[in-house]
Protein backbone atom coordinates (compact mmCIF):
# COMPACT_ATOMS: atom_id res chain seq x y z
CA MET A 1 134.84 78.66 213.21
CA LYS A 2 135.34 81.93 215.13
CA THR A 3 138.53 80.76 216.72
CA THR A 4 139.87 79.75 213.33
CA SER A 5 139.01 83.20 211.82
CA LEU A 6 140.82 85.08 214.91
CA ARG A 7 143.93 82.93 214.56
CA SER A 8 143.90 83.46 210.78
CA ALA A 9 143.52 87.25 211.13
CA HIS A 10 146.42 87.45 213.71
CA THR A 11 148.63 85.23 211.42
CA ASN A 12 148.31 87.70 208.50
CA SER A 13 148.80 90.63 210.86
CA VAL A 14 151.78 92.92 211.38
CA ILE A 15 153.76 92.34 214.49
CA LEU A 16 152.91 94.81 216.93
CA SER A 17 155.58 96.55 218.91
CA GLU A 18 155.34 97.46 222.84
CA PRO A 19 154.60 101.05 221.86
CA GLN A 20 151.70 99.96 219.32
CA GLN A 21 150.35 97.66 222.06
CA LYS A 22 150.30 100.46 224.46
CA ILE A 23 148.25 102.58 222.11
CA LEU A 24 145.72 99.73 221.54
CA ARG A 25 145.52 99.41 225.38
CA ALA A 26 144.68 103.09 225.62
CA ALA A 27 142.14 103.09 222.71
CA HIS A 28 140.62 100.10 224.42
CA PHE A 29 139.87 101.98 227.57
CA TYR A 30 139.44 105.62 226.50
CA HIS A 31 137.69 104.85 223.26
CA PHE A 32 138.45 108.23 221.53
CA LEU A 33 141.89 109.67 221.30
CA TRP A 34 143.79 112.45 219.54
CA ALA A 35 147.60 111.95 218.94
CA GLN A 36 148.43 114.48 221.55
CA ASP A 37 146.36 112.58 224.21
CA ILE A 38 148.74 109.45 223.52
CA CYS A 39 151.58 111.65 223.89
CA ARG A 40 150.40 113.10 227.33
CA LEU A 41 149.81 109.45 228.50
CA TYR A 42 153.00 107.62 227.36
CA TRP A 43 155.33 110.05 226.00
CA SER A 44 155.61 113.84 225.59
CA LEU A 45 154.56 116.48 223.10
CA SER A 46 157.90 116.48 221.41
CA SER A 47 157.23 112.85 220.25
CA ILE A 48 154.11 113.94 218.42
CA THR A 49 155.31 112.97 214.93
CA TYR A 50 156.52 109.41 216.09
CA VAL A 51 153.09 109.03 217.68
CA ARG A 52 151.38 110.00 214.66
CA ASP A 53 153.35 107.42 212.59
CA LEU A 54 152.42 104.77 215.03
CA LEU A 55 148.74 105.67 214.93
CA ALA A 56 148.66 105.82 211.06
CA ASN A 57 150.32 102.45 210.76
CA LEU A 58 147.91 100.92 213.11
CA ALA A 59 144.98 102.62 211.22
CA LYS A 60 146.25 101.47 207.73
CA HIS A 61 146.16 97.70 209.24
CA LYS A 62 142.70 98.04 210.56
CA TYR A 63 143.95 98.09 214.40
CA LEU A 64 142.46 101.54 214.77
CA TYR A 65 139.71 103.41 213.00
CA ARG A 66 140.37 106.95 212.19
CA PHE A 67 138.33 109.93 211.29
CA ALA A 68 138.39 113.50 210.85
CA HIS A 69 135.73 115.69 212.33
CA PRO A 70 136.34 119.40 211.27
CA SER A 71 133.56 120.62 213.61
CA LEU A 72 135.49 119.19 216.55
CA SER A 73 138.60 121.13 215.58
CA LYS A 74 136.81 124.37 216.26
CA THR A 75 136.76 123.46 219.75
CA SER A 76 140.49 123.92 219.77
CA LEU A 77 140.77 120.42 221.13
CA SER A 78 143.12 119.57 218.34
CA LYS A 79 146.64 121.21 218.52
CA GLY A 80 146.52 124.64 216.86
CA GLY A 81 143.08 124.32 215.70
CA ALA A 82 143.93 122.07 212.56
CA VAL A 83 141.73 119.29 211.50
CA GLU A 84 143.34 116.16 213.38
CA ASN A 85 142.29 112.70 213.21
CA ILE A 86 140.47 111.13 216.02
CA TYR A 87 141.35 107.29 216.81
CA THR A 88 139.40 104.56 218.18
CA LEU A 89 139.68 100.73 218.37
CA GLY A 90 138.96 99.07 214.89
CA CYS A 91 137.90 95.63 213.99
CA LYS A 92 141.51 94.14 214.19
CA GLY A 93 142.26 95.85 217.18
CA ARG A 94 139.23 94.32 218.88
CA GLU A 95 140.59 90.89 217.77
CA TYR A 96 144.23 91.69 218.94
CA VAL A 97 142.89 93.17 222.32
CA GLU A 98 140.76 90.20 223.15
CA ARG A 99 143.00 87.41 221.93
CA ILE A 100 146.42 88.56 222.69
CA LEU A 101 145.99 91.11 225.38
CA GLY A 102 143.14 89.33 227.10
CA LEU A 103 140.98 92.16 227.54
CA PRO A 104 137.10 92.04 227.13
CA VAL A 105 136.01 94.46 224.43
CA TYR A 106 132.30 95.61 224.71
CA ARG A 107 132.47 97.93 221.65
CA TYR A 108 134.47 98.90 218.57
CA TYR A 109 133.86 101.16 215.72
CA THR A 110 133.46 101.10 212.12
CA PRO A 111 132.47 103.86 209.67
CA HIS A 112 128.88 102.85 209.87
CA LYS A 113 128.66 103.09 213.60
CA ILE A 114 130.73 106.56 213.71
CA ARG A 115 128.18 108.18 211.17
CA HIS A 116 125.55 107.59 213.82
CA HIS A 117 127.54 109.35 216.44
CA SER A 118 126.60 113.01 216.81
CA TYR A 119 128.98 115.96 217.21
CA GLY A 120 127.98 116.40 220.76
CA ALA A 121 128.49 112.58 221.67
CA VAL A 122 131.98 112.45 220.30
CA LEU A 123 133.07 115.79 221.71
CA HIS A 124 131.71 114.55 225.20
CA ASN A 125 133.73 111.25 224.79
CA THR A 126 136.99 112.95 223.76
CA ILE A 127 136.74 115.45 226.61
CA LEU A 128 136.03 112.54 229.01
CA ALA A 129 139.14 110.80 227.86
CA ARG A 130 141.31 113.83 228.12
CA THR A 131 140.02 114.49 231.64
CA LEU A 132 140.84 110.88 232.67
CA ILE A 133 144.24 111.00 231.02
CA ALA A 134 144.84 114.46 232.87
CA ALA A 135 144.03 112.84 236.07
CA SER A 136 146.48 109.89 235.45
CA VAL A 137 149.20 112.30 234.29
CA TRP A 138 148.86 114.38 237.31
CA ALA A 139 148.90 111.54 239.83
CA LYS A 140 152.06 110.00 238.44
CA LYS A 141 153.91 113.30 239.37
CA GLN A 142 152.59 113.40 242.75
CA THR A 143 154.44 112.00 245.96
CA ASN A 144 151.39 112.25 248.26
CA PHE A 145 148.75 110.86 245.78
CA LYS A 146 148.08 107.73 243.96
CA LEU A 147 145.29 107.16 241.47
CA VAL A 148 144.47 103.46 242.58
CA LYS A 149 141.44 102.81 240.19
CA THR A 150 139.48 104.24 237.26
CA HIS A 151 136.46 102.94 235.86
CA ILE A 152 134.88 104.76 232.89
CA CYS A 153 131.03 104.89 231.75
CA TYR A 154 131.39 102.40 229.02
CA GLN A 155 132.43 99.87 231.82
CA LEU A 156 130.13 101.10 234.33
CA ALA A 157 126.92 100.95 232.05
CA ARG A 158 126.95 97.12 231.94
CA GLU A 159 126.39 96.90 235.84
CA ALA A 160 124.93 100.33 236.74
CA PRO A 161 122.09 99.87 239.18
CA SER A 162 118.50 101.44 238.88
CA ILE A 163 117.67 103.55 241.89
CA GLN A 164 114.02 104.16 243.18
CA LEU A 165 112.89 107.72 243.16
CA ILE A 166 109.48 109.26 244.12
CA THR A 167 108.04 111.58 241.57
CA GLY A 168 106.25 114.80 242.36
CA LYS A 169 103.24 112.99 241.84
CA GLY A 170 104.08 110.53 244.69
CA GLU A 171 104.91 107.63 241.83
CA LEU A 172 107.78 105.43 241.94
CA GLU A 173 110.23 105.75 239.21
CA MET A 174 113.35 103.69 238.59
CA VAL A 175 116.38 105.67 237.34
CA LYS A 176 119.77 104.13 236.14
CA VAL A 177 122.77 105.78 237.61
CA ILE A 178 125.77 105.62 235.19
CA PRO A 179 128.54 108.15 236.30
CA ASP A 180 130.84 109.32 233.42
CA ALA A 181 133.67 107.94 235.56
CA TYR A 182 134.85 106.86 238.95
CA LEU A 183 138.27 107.52 240.40
CA LEU A 184 139.83 106.12 243.56
CA PHE A 185 142.56 108.22 244.88
CA GLN A 186 144.85 107.31 247.61
CA LYS A 187 146.41 110.19 249.98
CA LEU A 188 149.82 109.37 251.57
CA ASN A 189 151.49 110.74 254.44
CA ASN A 190 155.24 109.78 254.45
CA ASN A 191 154.39 106.89 252.14
CA LYS A 192 151.77 105.54 254.65
CA HIS A 193 148.18 105.61 253.70
CA GLU A 194 146.15 108.45 255.18
CA ARG A 195 142.72 108.34 253.19
CA PHE A 196 140.93 107.40 250.16
CA TYR A 197 138.88 109.98 248.05
CA GLN A 198 136.27 108.46 245.82
CA VAL A 199 135.40 110.85 242.98
CA ILE A 200 132.29 110.23 240.82
CA LEU A 201 133.01 112.25 237.79
CA GLU A 202 130.30 113.91 235.85
CA LEU A 203 131.05 115.96 232.68
CA ASP A 204 128.36 118.67 231.82
CA ARG A 205 127.91 120.01 228.28
CA GLY A 206 124.71 121.81 229.33
CA MET A 207 122.35 119.49 227.99
CA GLU A 208 120.21 118.81 231.00
CA TYR A 209 117.70 121.51 232.13
CA GLN A 210 116.75 122.12 235.67
CA LYS A 211 114.16 119.43 236.00
CA ARG A 212 116.18 116.69 234.62
CA PHE A 213 119.47 117.87 236.41
CA LYS A 214 117.65 117.85 239.67
CA LYS A 215 116.50 114.35 239.01
CA ALA A 216 120.17 113.28 238.28
CA ILE A 217 121.26 114.79 241.69
CA ARG A 218 118.58 112.99 243.54
CA ALA A 219 119.38 109.73 241.77
CA ARG A 220 123.05 110.03 242.95
CA LEU A 221 122.24 110.91 246.35
CA GLU A 222 120.07 107.76 246.65
CA PHE A 223 122.53 105.56 244.98
CA ILE A 224 125.09 106.70 247.89
CA LYS A 225 122.52 105.97 250.56
CA ASP A 226 122.13 102.49 249.01
CA SER A 227 125.51 101.33 250.18
CA GLY A 228 124.78 97.73 248.72
CA ALA A 229 124.22 99.18 245.04
CA TYR A 230 127.24 101.39 245.43
CA THR A 231 129.52 98.64 246.79
CA SER A 232 128.39 96.37 244.12
CA LEU A 233 129.27 98.68 241.39
CA PHE A 234 132.55 100.17 242.69
CA GLY A 235 133.84 97.31 244.97
CA THR A 236 133.94 99.55 247.97
CA ALA A 237 131.72 101.12 250.48
CA PRO A 238 130.70 104.94 249.97
CA ASN A 239 133.11 107.06 252.12
CA ASN A 240 134.81 110.25 251.46
CA VAL A 241 132.85 110.54 248.08
CA ILE A 242 133.16 113.57 245.89
CA ILE A 243 130.58 114.21 243.15
CA ALA A 244 132.47 116.29 240.85
CA TYR A 245 130.68 118.05 237.86
CA ILE A 246 132.94 119.77 235.23
CA THR A 247 131.08 121.98 232.67
CA THR A 248 133.03 122.74 229.38
CA GLY A 249 130.88 125.34 227.48
CA ASP A 250 132.52 127.31 224.54
CA ARG A 251 131.99 130.56 225.82
CA PRO A 252 133.52 131.87 229.27
CA GLU A 253 130.17 133.63 230.24
CA TYR A 254 128.12 130.52 229.51
CA ARG A 255 130.56 128.18 231.50
CA GLU A 256 130.37 130.29 234.57
CA SER A 257 126.46 130.75 234.38
CA ARG A 258 126.14 127.07 233.86
CA ARG A 259 128.24 126.23 236.84
CA LYS A 260 126.63 128.70 239.09
CA ALA A 261 123.09 127.25 237.89
CA MET A 262 124.19 123.72 238.61
CA CYS A 263 125.29 124.94 242.13
CA ASP A 264 121.95 126.42 242.75
CA TRP A 265 120.04 123.35 241.53
CA THR A 266 121.91 121.00 243.62
CA ARG A 267 121.59 123.19 246.76
CA ASP A 268 117.79 123.23 246.30
CA VAL A 269 117.87 119.32 246.17
CA LEU A 270 120.26 119.22 249.24
CA ALA A 271 117.82 121.37 251.10
CA GLN A 272 114.96 119.15 250.69
CA SER A 273 117.00 115.84 251.25
CA ASP A 274 117.78 113.88 254.44
CA LEU A 275 121.77 114.15 254.53
CA ASN A 276 122.32 112.69 257.91
CA ASN A 277 125.78 110.83 257.95
CA LEU A 278 125.96 110.89 254.16
CA PRO A 279 129.52 110.56 253.32
CA CYS A 280 129.65 112.75 249.97
CA SER A 281 129.96 116.32 248.84
CA PHE A 282 129.43 118.03 245.63
CA LEU A 283 131.82 120.18 243.65
CA PHE A 284 131.55 122.19 240.43
CA CYS A 285 134.08 123.80 238.09
CA SER A 286 134.14 125.41 234.60
CA VAL A 287 137.18 124.70 232.46
CA VAL A 288 138.20 125.28 228.87
CA ALA A 289 138.28 121.71 227.28
CA SER A 290 141.56 122.60 225.39
CA GLU A 291 143.37 123.37 228.70
CA LEU A 292 142.69 120.36 230.52
CA TYR A 293 146.20 119.29 230.46
CA ASN A 294 147.43 122.91 231.55
CA ILE A 295 145.18 123.84 234.45
CA PRO A 296 145.49 122.77 238.12
CA LEU A 297 142.32 120.62 237.86
CA PHE A 298 143.39 118.27 240.89
CA ASP A 299 145.32 120.45 243.10
CA GLY A 300 144.21 124.00 242.49
CA ALA A 301 141.44 125.94 244.18
CA GLY A 302 138.93 125.93 241.21
CA TRP A 303 136.04 124.03 242.71
CA PHE A 304 132.79 125.44 244.05
CA SER A 305 130.52 123.75 246.66
CA PRO A 306 126.75 124.59 246.40
CA GLY A 307 125.99 127.85 248.17
CA SER A 308 129.41 129.00 248.71
CA PRO A 309 131.11 131.66 246.59
CA ASN A 310 134.66 130.62 247.73
CA PRO A 311 136.83 128.17 245.53
CA VAL A 312 138.38 125.14 247.00
CA SER A 313 140.62 122.33 245.84
CA LEU A 314 139.19 119.04 244.76
CA PHE A 315 140.56 117.17 247.65
CA THR A 316 139.43 119.85 250.24
CA PRO A 317 137.52 117.81 252.97
CA GLN A 318 133.95 118.96 252.69
CA ARG A 319 132.29 117.09 255.66
């Protein structure tokens, strides 16, 4: 019955062009996108009208679900501050992606589901998508770096391990470690492999207070110590791991104070931890969310390690 239903749905569907299929692939992976995100990923900003037409057609035929979120426009993530539609995979898009493109779909959205998504959750997901697209766009322009692999939290959540921590009372607690994203970069030298950088990306919106944040840092340290759990999740042993926190508060003074607080809290945890031969480092930066495509996030000296006032680049060896 289900197979017949899918075939019927496909038979009655419009024929999707290659550009439309590319958009569905992007919606499948990144989940929440604006038109300008699609432009950055596949075309250029000069193609914004063309992309909007493609998106509108896919939404009309229920391959995508679109919704406008006026509050999100105030973050200036949408071009010019205008109210722009956000796009995510719809019901027919799920069928097409699964049956025609052969990709597993773990979630898709309907008006009912979107209504239960808070402003903060949608904002977090859209900024995460934009950060990962910025990484992809940056890597494509480099001659000495490749972005080999990207995993996003929607994928990782299904296999994420639970790590054992000891509480302040001496009790055991199991904590699930689900990074926002994992990026594997390869550095080249004269087109030959030099080294890999594994970036565990965490997007911070200031929702974790000191106690909870420190527990998250401890969990990530234990996760990296447990090379079996790490390798099982990412497919490679922990080596040259960079745990990178990006905070994107609305006000400049808040962004910087938050970044400094995270550095201080992490330094406290590191001072109490056994770090012998631990192949990881922590870096923190604060950015304006709307400028993610315009700032040198991946090759500029805008990152800070705990306890150091001097900014470094993301790929500066820390250990």
